[in-house]
């Protein structure tokens, strides 16, 4: 099944894990602004960064975004 990415759920996952955004940025060695861009849906995470974030937050990669099944049939 094909999915469309919806809203980024990083902020919610951070709250659930009790991890501040600044700490995540430091651990991943990325600027906080980049993480803010993910949260604000200005950028889409690469698979590499999504896996790293999911590992640190102990969640599934799929839980970092709302996923909507695509109507497109192939």
PDB file of N, CA and C in Angstrom:
ATOM      1  N   UNK A   1       0.842  -1.178   0.000  1.00  0.00           N
ATOM      2  CA  UNK A   1       0.000   0.000   0.000  1.00  0.00           C
ATOM      3  C   UNK A   1       0.887   1.241   0.000  1.00  0.00           C
ATOM      4  N   UNK A   2       0.475   2.229  -0.749  1.00  0.00           N
ATOM      5  CA  UNK A   2       1.213   3.481  -0.842  1.00  0.00           C
ATOM      6  C   UNK A   2       0.628   4.482   0.158  1.00  0.00           C
ATOM      7  N   UNK A   3       1.512   5.249   0.808  1.00  0.00           N
ATOM      8  CA  UNK A   3       1.089   6.232   1.801  1.00  0.00           C
ATOM      9  C   UNK A   3       1.593   7.615   1.435  1.00  0.00           C
ATOM     10  N   UNK A   4       0.849   8.612   1.887  1.00  0.00           N
ATOM     11  CA  UNK A   4       1.270  10.008   1.797  1.00  0.00           C
ATOM     12  C   UNK A   4       1.667  10.445   3.204  1.00  0.00           C
ATOM     13  N   UNK A   5       2.752  11.228   3.295  1.00  0.00           N
ATOM     14  CA  UNK A   5       3.159  11.762   4.589  1.00  0.00           C
ATOM     15  C   UNK A   5       2.252  12.917   4.963  1.00  0.00           C
ATOM     16  N   UNK A   6       1.787  12.888   6.197  1.00  0.00           N
ATOM     17  CA  UNK A   6       0.992  13.988   6.725  1.00  0.00           C
ATOM     18  C   UNK A   6       1.850  14.838   7.643  1.00  0.00           C
ATOM     19  N   UNK A   7       1.240  15.293   8.692  1.00  0.00           N
ATOM     20  CA  UNK A   7       1.888  16.170   9.661  1.00  0.00           C
ATOM     21  C   UNK A   7       2.992  15.429  10.417  1.00  0.00           C
ATOM     22  N   UNK A   8       4.084  16.139  10.678  1.00  0.00           N
ATOM     23  CA  UNK A   8       5.186  15.594  11.475  1.00  0.00           C
ATOM     24  C   UNK A   8       4.743  15.515  12.934  1.00  0.00           C
ATOM     25  N   UNK A   9       5.021  14.389  13.574  1.00  0.00           N
ATOM     26  CA  UNK A   9       4.619  14.153  14.963  1.00  0.00           C
ATOM     27  C   UNK A   9       5.807  14.171  15.924  1.00  0.00           C
ATOM     28  N   UNK A  10       6.918  14.755  15.485  1.00  0.00           N
ATOM     29  CA  UNK A  10       8.132  14.761  16.307  1.00  0.00           C
ATOM     30  C   UNK A  10       7.901  15.432  17.656  1.00  0.00           C
ATOM     31  N   UNK A  11       7.211  16.551  17.661  1.00  0.00           N
ATOM     32  CA  UNK A  11       6.978  17.259  18.921  1.00  0.00           C
ATOM     33  C   UNK A  11       6.237  16.372  19.926  1.00  0.00           C
ATOM     34  N   UNK A  12       5.236  15.648  19.458  1.00  0.00           N
ATOM     35  CA  UNK A  12       4.484  14.749  20.330  1.00  0.00           C
ATOM     36  C   UNK A  12       5.360  13.607  20.843  1.00  0.00           C
ATOM     37  N   UNK A  13       6.183  13.026  19.959  1.00  0.00           N
ATOM     38  CA  UNK A  13       7.058  11.927  20.375  1.00  0.00           C
ATOM     39  C   UNK A  13       8.089  12.413  21.398  1.00  0.00           C
ATOM     40  N   UNK A  14       8.599  13.641  21.231  1.00  0.00           N
ATOM     41  CA  UNK A  14       9.546  14.201  22.203  1.00  0.00           C
ATOM     42  C   UNK A  14       8.880  14.353  23.567  1.00  0.00           C
ATOM     43  N   UNK A  15       7.654  14.848  23.581  1.00  0.00           N
ATOM     44  CA  UNK A  15       6.929  15.014  24.846  1.00  0.00           C
ATOM     45  C   UNK A  15       6.712  13.667  25.521  1.00  0.00           C
ATOM     46  N   UNK A  16       6.325  12.672  24.759  1.00  0.00           N
ATOM     47  CA  UNK A  16       6.104  11.332  25.318  1.00  0.00           C
ATOM     48  C   UNK A  16       7.382  10.757  25.914  1.00  0.00           C
ATOM     49  N   UNK A  17       8.508  11.019  25.257  1.00  0.00           N
ATOM     50  CA  UNK A  17       9.791  10.484  25.721  1.00  0.00           C
ATOM     51  C   UNK A  17      10.415  11.348  26.813  1.00  0.00           C
ATOM     52  N   UNK A  18       9.890  12.557  27.000  1.00  0.00           N
ATOM     53  CA  UNK A  18      10.449  13.462  28.005  1.00  0.00           C
ATOM     54  C   UNK A  18      11.826  13.982  27.629  1.00  0.00           C
ATOM     55  N   UNK A  19      12.067  14.112  26.344  1.00  0.00           N
ATOM     56  CA  UNK A  19      13.371  14.565  25.851  1.00  0.00           C
ATOM     57  C   UNK A  19      13.218  15.957  25.245  1.00  0.00           C
ATOM     58  N   UNK A  20      14.005  16.922  25.713  1.00  0.00           N
ATOM     59  CA  UNK A  20      13.935  18.263  25.132  1.00  0.00           C
ATOM     60  C   UNK A  20      14.504  18.290  23.706  1.00  0.00           C
ATOM     61  N   UNK A  21      13.981  19.183  22.903  1.00  0.00           N
ATOM     62  CA  UNK A  21      14.425  19.333  21.520  1.00  0.00           C
ATOM     63  C   UNK A  21      15.924  19.624  21.449  1.00  0.00           C
ATOM     64  N   UNK A  22      16.413  20.433  22.374  1.00  0.00           N
ATOM     65  CA  UNK A  22      17.833  20.790  22.383  1.00  0.00           C
ATOM     66  C   UNK A  22      18.719  19.560  22.573  1.00  0.00           C
ATOM     67  N   UNK A  23      18.287  18.662  23.449  1.00  0.00           N
ATOM     68  CA  UNK A  23      19.066  17.438  23.688  1.00  0.00           C
ATOM     69  C   UNK A  23      19.098  16.567  22.436  1.00  0.00           C
ATOM     70  N   UNK A  24      17.951  16.433  21.781  1.00  0.00           N
ATOM     71  CA  UNK A  24      17.899  15.645  20.553  1.00  0.00           C
ATOM     72  C   UNK A  24      18.841  16.236  19.514  1.00  0.00           C
ATOM     73  N   UNK A  25      18.827  17.551  19.372  1.00  0.00           N
ATOM     74  CA  UNK A  25      19.710  18.223  18.408  1.00  0.00           C
ATOM     75  C   UNK A  25      21.177  17.943  18.733  1.00  0.00           C
ATOM     76  N   UNK A  26      21.533  18.031  20.000  1.00  0.00           N
ATOM     77  CA  UNK A  26      22.920  17.767  20.406  1.00  0.00           C
ATOM     78  C   UNK A  26      23.315  16.322  20.127  1.00  0.00           C
ATOM     79  N   UNK A  27      22.451  15.387  20.490  1.00  0.00           N
ATOM     80  CA  UNK A  27      22.751  13.966  20.288  1.00  0.00           C
ATOM     81  C   UNK A  27      22.906  13.619  18.807  1.00  0.00           C
ATOM     82  N   UNK A  28      22.073  14.239  17.972  1.00  0.00           N
ATOM     83  CA  UNK A  28      22.105  13.947  16.537  1.00  0.00           C
ATOM     84  C   UNK A  28      23.128  14.796  15.784  1.00  0.00           C
ATOM     85  N   UNK A  29      23.662  15.795  16.493  1.00  0.00           N
ATOM     86  CA  UNK A  29      24.619  16.732  15.883  1.00  0.00           C
ATOM     87  C   UNK A  29      24.007  17.464  14.690  1.00  0.00           C
ATOM     88  N   UNK A  30      22.783  17.951  14.918  1.00  0.00           N
ATOM     89  CA  UNK A  30      22.105  18.782  13.922  1.00  0.00           C
ATOM     90  C   UNK A  30      21.661  20.071  14.610  1.00  0.00           C
ATOM     91  N   UNK A  31      21.442  21.101  13.808  1.00  0.00           N
ATOM     92  CA  UNK A  31      20.982  22.363  14.377  1.00  0.00           C
ATOM     93  C   UNK A  31      19.525  22.224  14.819  1.00  0.00           C
ATOM     94  N   UNK A  32      19.211  22.887  15.898  1.00  0.00           N
ATOM     95  CA  UNK A  32      17.832  22.869  16.406  1.00  0.00           C
ATOM     96  C   UNK A  32      16.868  23.367  15.336  1.00  0.00           C
ATOM     97  N   UNK A  33      17.316  24.332  14.540  1.00  0.00           N
ATOM     98  CA  UNK A  33      16.463  24.900  13.492  1.00  0.00           C
ATOM     99  C   UNK A  33      16.012  23.832  12.487  1.00  0.00           C
ATOM    100  N   UNK A  34      16.876  22.873  12.225  1.00  0.00           N
ATOM    101  CA  UNK A  34      16.503  21.790  11.307  1.00  0.00           C
ATOM    102  C   UNK A  34      15.365  20.962  11.909  1.00  0.00           C
ATOM    103  N   UNK A  35      15.464  20.668  13.205  1.00  0.00           N
ATOM    104  CA  UNK A  35      14.397  19.924  13.874  1.00  0.00           C
ATOM    105  C   UNK A  35      13.111  20.743  13.917  1.00  0.00           C
ATOM    106  N   UNK A  36      13.250  22.058  14.142  1.00  0.00           N
ATOM    107  CA  UNK A  36      12.079  22.940  14.104  1.00  0.00           C
ATOM    108  C   UNK A  36      11.411  22.889  12.732  1.00  0.00           C
ATOM    109  N   UNK A  37      12.229  22.837  11.675  1.00  0.00           N
ATOM    110  CA  UNK A  37      11.681  22.750  10.315  1.00  0.00           C
ATOM    111  C   UNK A  37      10.892  21.454  10.112  1.00  0.00           C
ATOM    112  N   UNK A  38      11.366  20.350  10.699  1.00  0.00           N
ATOM    113  CA  UNK A  38      10.608  19.097  10.622  1.00  0.00           C
ATOM    114  C   UNK A  38       9.258  19.265  11.329  1.00  0.00           C
ATOM    115  N   UNK A  39       9.307  19.801  12.541  1.00  0.00           N
ATOM    116  CA  UNK A  39       8.096  19.978  13.350  1.00  0.00           C
ATOM    117  C   UNK A  39       7.096  20.887  12.646  1.00  0.00           C
ATOM    118  N   UNK A  40       7.604  21.938  12.001  1.00  0.00           N
ATOM    119  CA  UNK A  40       6.736  22.905  11.308  1.00  0.00           C
ATOM    120  C   UNK A  40       6.367  22.459   9.892  1.00  0.00           C
ATOM    121  N   UNK A  41       6.774  21.253   9.524  1.00  0.00           N
ATOM    122  CA  UNK A  41       6.493  20.691   8.190  1.00  0.00           C
ATOM    123  C   UNK A  41       7.085  21.517   7.055  1.00  0.00           C
ATOM    124  N   UNK A  42       8.224  22.145   7.323  1.00  0.00           N
ATOM    125  CA  UNK A  42       8.938  22.885   6.280  1.00  0.00           C
ATOM    126  C   UNK A  42       9.932  21.984   5.555  1.00  0.00           C
ATOM    127  N   UNK A  43      10.325  20.902   6.216  1.00  0.00           N
ATOM    128  CA  UNK A  43      11.246  19.916   5.644  1.00  0.00           C
ATOM    129  C   UNK A  43      10.748  18.531   6.008  1.00  0.00           C
ATOM    130  N   UNK A  44      11.118  17.557   5.192  1.00  0.00           N
ATOM    131  CA  UNK A  44      10.806  16.154   5.479  1.00  0.00           C
ATOM    132  C   UNK A  44      12.103  15.476   5.908  1.00  0.00           C
ATOM    133  N   UNK A  45      12.028  14.681   6.957  1.00  0.00           N
ATOM    134  CA  UNK A  45      13.216  13.975   7.449  1.00  0.00           C
ATOM    135  C   UNK A  45      13.720  12.988   6.405  1.00  0.00           C
ATOM    136  N   UNK A  46      15.037  12.888   6.314  1.00  0.00           N
ATOM    137  CA  UNK A  46      15.611  11.807   5.513  1.00  0.00           C
ATOM    138  C   UNK A  46      15.402  10.508   6.291  1.00  0.00           C
ATOM    139  N   UNK A  47      15.488   9.396   5.608  1.00  0.00           N
ATOM    140  CA  UNK A  47      15.339   8.108   6.283  1.00  0.00           C
ATOM    141  C   UNK A  47      16.413   7.946   7.356  1.00  0.00           C
ATOM    142  N   UNK A  48      17.617   8.378   7.059  1.00  0.00           N
ATOM    143  CA  UNK A  48      18.729   8.259   8.007  1.00  0.00           C
ATOM    144  C   UNK A  48      18.427   9.007   9.305  1.00  0.00           C
ATOM    145  N   UNK A  49      17.968  10.246   9.214  1.00  0.00           N
ATOM    146  CA  UNK A  49      17.689  11.021  10.421  1.00  0.00           C
ATOM    147  C   UNK A  49      16.453  10.472  11.129  1.00  0.00           C
ATOM    148  N   UNK A  50      15.454  10.007  10.369  1.00  0.00           N
ATOM    149  CA  UNK A  50      14.250   9.438  10.981  1.00  0.00           C
ATOM    150  C   UNK A  50      14.589   8.187  11.791  1.00  0.00           C
ATOM    151  N   UNK A  51      15.457   7.347  11.266  1.00  0.00           N
ATOM    152  CA  UNK A  51      15.875   6.142  11.992  1.00  0.00           C
ATOM    153  C   UNK A  51      16.620   6.527  13.263  1.00  0.00           C
ATOM    154  N   UNK A  52      17.503   7.505  13.170  1.00  0.00           N
ATOM    155  CA  UNK A  52      18.260   7.960  14.345  1.00  0.00           C
ATOM    156  C   UNK A  52      17.334   8.539  15.407  1.00  0.00           C
ATOM    157  N   UNK A  53      16.369   9.346  14.981  1.00  0.00           N
ATOM    158  CA  UNK A  53      15.414   9.937  15.924  1.00  0.00           C
ATOM    159  C   UNK A  53      14.574   8.839  16.575  1.00  0.00           C
ATOM    160  N   UNK A  54      14.050   7.926  15.783  1.00  0.00           N
ATOM    161  CA  UNK A  54      13.227   6.840  16.321  1.00  0.00           C
ATOM    162  C   UNK A  54      14.018   5.992  17.316  1.00  0.00           C
ATOM    163  N   UNK A  55      15.281   5.750  17.017  1.00  0.00           N
ATOM    164  CA  UNK A  55      16.128   4.976  17.923  1.00  0.00           C
ATOM    165  C   UNK A  55      16.297   5.702  19.254  1.00  0.00           C
ATOM    166  N   UNK A  56      16.565   6.991  19.187  1.00  0.00           N
ATOM    167  CA  UNK A  56      16.769   7.759  20.413  1.00  0.00           C
ATOM    168  C   UNK A  56      15.475   7.885  21.229  1.00  0.00           C
ATOM    169  N   UNK A  57      14.354   8.040  20.540  1.00  0.00           N
ATOM    170  CA  UNK A  57      13.076   8.205  21.236  1.00  0.00           C
ATOM    171  C   UNK A  57      12.403   6.871  21.551  1.00  0.00           C
ATOM    172  N   UNK A  58      13.021   5.781  21.106  1.00  0.00           N
ATOM    173  CA  UNK A  58      12.488   4.433  21.300  1.00  0.00           C
ATOM    174  C   UNK A  58      11.050   4.325  20.792  1.00  0.00           C
ATOM    175  N   UNK A  59      10.900   4.727  19.518  1.00  0.00           N
ATOM    176  CA  UNK A  59       9.596   4.621  18.871  1.00  0.00           C
ATOM    177  C   UNK A  59       9.804   4.087  17.456  1.00  0.00           C
ATOM    178  N   UNK A  60       8.729   3.788  16.784  1.00  0.00           N
ATOM    179  CA  UNK A  60       8.797   3.325  15.401  1.00  0.00           C
ATOM    180  C   UNK A  60       8.976   4.520  14.469  1.00  0.00           C
ATOM    181  N   UNK A  61       9.725   4.335  13.403  1.00  0.00           N
ATOM    182  CA  UNK A  61       9.915   5.395  12.412  1.00  0.00           C
ATOM    183  C   UNK A  61       8.559   5.875  11.901  1.00  0.00           C
ATOM    184  N   UNK A  62       7.642   4.950  11.699  1.00  0.00           N
ATOM    185  CA  UNK A  62       6.315   5.299  11.169  1.00  0.00           C
ATOM    186  C   UNK A  62       5.536   6.224  12.092  1.00  0.00           C
ATOM    187  N   UNK A  63       5.898   6.262  13.366  1.00  0.00           N
ATOM    188  CA  UNK A  63       5.158   7.109  14.308  1.00  0.00           C
ATOM    189  C   UNK A  63       5.647   8.557  14.309  1.00  0.00           C
ATOM    190  N   UNK A  64       6.611   8.872  13.451  1.00  0.00           N
ATOM    191  CA  UNK A  64       7.126  10.245  13.385  1.00  0.00           C
ATOM    192  C   UNK A  64       6.293  11.138  12.469  1.00  0.00           C
ATOM    193  N   UNK A  65       5.420  10.534  11.672  1.00  0.00           N
ATOM    194  CA  UNK A  65       4.545  11.285  10.762  1.00  0.00           C
ATOM    195  C   UNK A  65       3.160  10.669  10.764  1.00  0.00           C
ATOM    196  N   UNK A  66       2.154  11.506  10.508  1.00  0.00           N
ATOM    197  CA  UNK A  66       0.838  10.974  10.196  1.00  0.00           C
ATOM    198  C   UNK A  66       0.942  10.349   8.811  1.00  0.00           C
ATOM    199  N   UNK A  67       0.387   9.175   8.637  1.00  0.00           N
ATOM    200  CA  UNK A  67       0.415   8.488   7.346  1.00  0.00           C
ATOM    201  C   UNK A  67      -1.012   8.314   6.848  1.00  0.00           C
ATOM    202  N   UNK A  68      -1.222   8.697   5.600  1.00  0.00           N
ATOM    203  CA  UNK A  68      -2.539   8.588   4.983  1.00  0.00           C
ATOM    204  C   UNK A  68      -2.434   7.675   3.779  1.00  0.00           C
ATOM    205  N   UNK A  69      -3.254   6.620   3.718  1.00  0.00           N
ATOM    206  CA  UNK A  69      -3.217   5.764   2.526  1.00  0.00           C
ATOM    207  C   UNK A  69      -3.529   6.586   1.279  1.00  0.00           C
ATOM    208  N   UNK A  70      -2.754   6.345   0.246  1.00  0.00           N
ATOM    209  CA  UNK A  70      -2.942   7.047  -1.022  1.00  0.00           C
ATOM    210  C   UNK A  70      -4.080   6.402  -1.796  1.00  0.00           C
ATOM    211  N   UNK A  71      -4.841   7.212  -2.506  1.00  0.00           N
ATOM    212  CA  UNK A  71      -5.924   6.699  -3.348  1.00  0.00           C
ATOM    213  C   UNK A  71      -5.398   6.140  -4.656  1.00  0.00           C
ATOM    214  N   UNK A  72      -4.141   6.427  -4.921  1.00  0.00           N
ATOM    215  CA  UNK A  72      -3.529   6.012  -6.186  1.00  0.00           C
ATOM    216  C   UNK A  72      -3.320   4.501  -6.191  1.00  0.00           C
ATOM    217  N   UNK A  73      -3.821   3.813  -7.203  1.00  0.00           N
ATOM    218  CA  UNK A  73      -3.650   2.363  -7.330  1.00  0.00           C
ATOM    219  C   UNK A  73      -2.618   2.070  -8.399  1.00  0.00           C
ATOM    220  N   UNK A  74      -1.663   1.227  -8.063  1.00  0.00           N
ATOM    221  CA  UNK A  74      -0.628   0.844  -9.034  1.00  0.00           C
ATOM    222  C   UNK A  74      -0.414  -0.627  -8.980  1.00  0.00           C
TER     223      UNK A  74
END
